Amino acid sequence: MFTSVDDVSARLAETGYLASPAVATTVFLADRLGKPLLVEGPAGVGKTELAKAVAEVAGARLVRLQCYEGVDESRALYEWNHAKQLLRISAGRDETWDEARTDIFSEEFLLPRPLLTAIRGDDPKVLLIDETDKADVEVEGLLLEVLSDFQVTVPELGTVTATRRPFVVLTSNASRELSEALRRRCLFLHIGFPDEELERRIVRLKVPGLGEALTESVVRVVGALRAMDLRKVPSVAETIDWARTLLALGAGTLDEQVVRDSLGVILKHQDDIQKAAAKLDLDAL
């Protein structure tokens, strides 16, 4: 998909995703080596958006498996359309079981889920396995076959092998440790909070109507909040939300009153808001 690291940076920027050199390099290598990309980092720093941006620049279909506690094979790989199978059996009452079984366990009755969907067909795809750390450990076993050989075994139909490998992105907020077997199959990328210059560029891109001075003030205040011992520090997504809030309020400067009135946009816990209101010194920034 990409010819160079600079090509990654330039094409992702066209979609509105400003990638750091580390992000661009790892995406290039994942594409060139054909390896899944495991992206870890705090919530709201652009892990999921990276997969969406790659899909957009590649003209590929985005196939997303949203992980959660309790997700199982039927939600990740495939399941059979049992209602349709029962109707088929009822319609063929004079058939033997062997005759009916051959029919009901066919493609017509198969419901592919994200992992199977991603490896079937010749069209380009980006497979996003989102919040992998929220799934049960057993689900990782389902992923290993896909990420090792890009194939899925359906006992009734046989093994389905990818004719065109998808670009795979796994995201994790590191709420639990992923297995070494899964990590070995992936290139690893950690996306943290951007430096001030990159975050200013992101705000300028996403909220172009915000003045330069206010953009710099927003980035500095968010940086100060991240340095505090908060339950949930503001992410890049919340920086953008705050910038849009200030634009909507028609704020010309970031004074104490404006900050206090809008802290709920970037901080999500009352004790964090109280701590920030008490410790934040705008004059020192």
Foldseek 3Di string as FASTA:
>chain_A
DADDLVRQQVQLVVVLDHDDSQRSVQLVCCVVVVFAEEEEEAPFACQVVVLVSVCVSVVAAEQEAEAAEPDDCCQAFKDFQVVVLVVQCVVPVVDDPVVSLLPRPDPVGIGGHRLNVQQDDDTEYEYEYEAVVRYDLVVVVVVLVCLPQVWDADPSPGIDGHPDHYHYYYYHHCPDDHDPSSVVRHHYHYRYADPLVVLLVSLCSLPVVQDSQQSSLLSVLLVVLVVDPDPDRFYSNLSNQVSVVCVVVVDPHDDLVNCLVPVVSGDPDPVSSVVCNVPPDSVVD
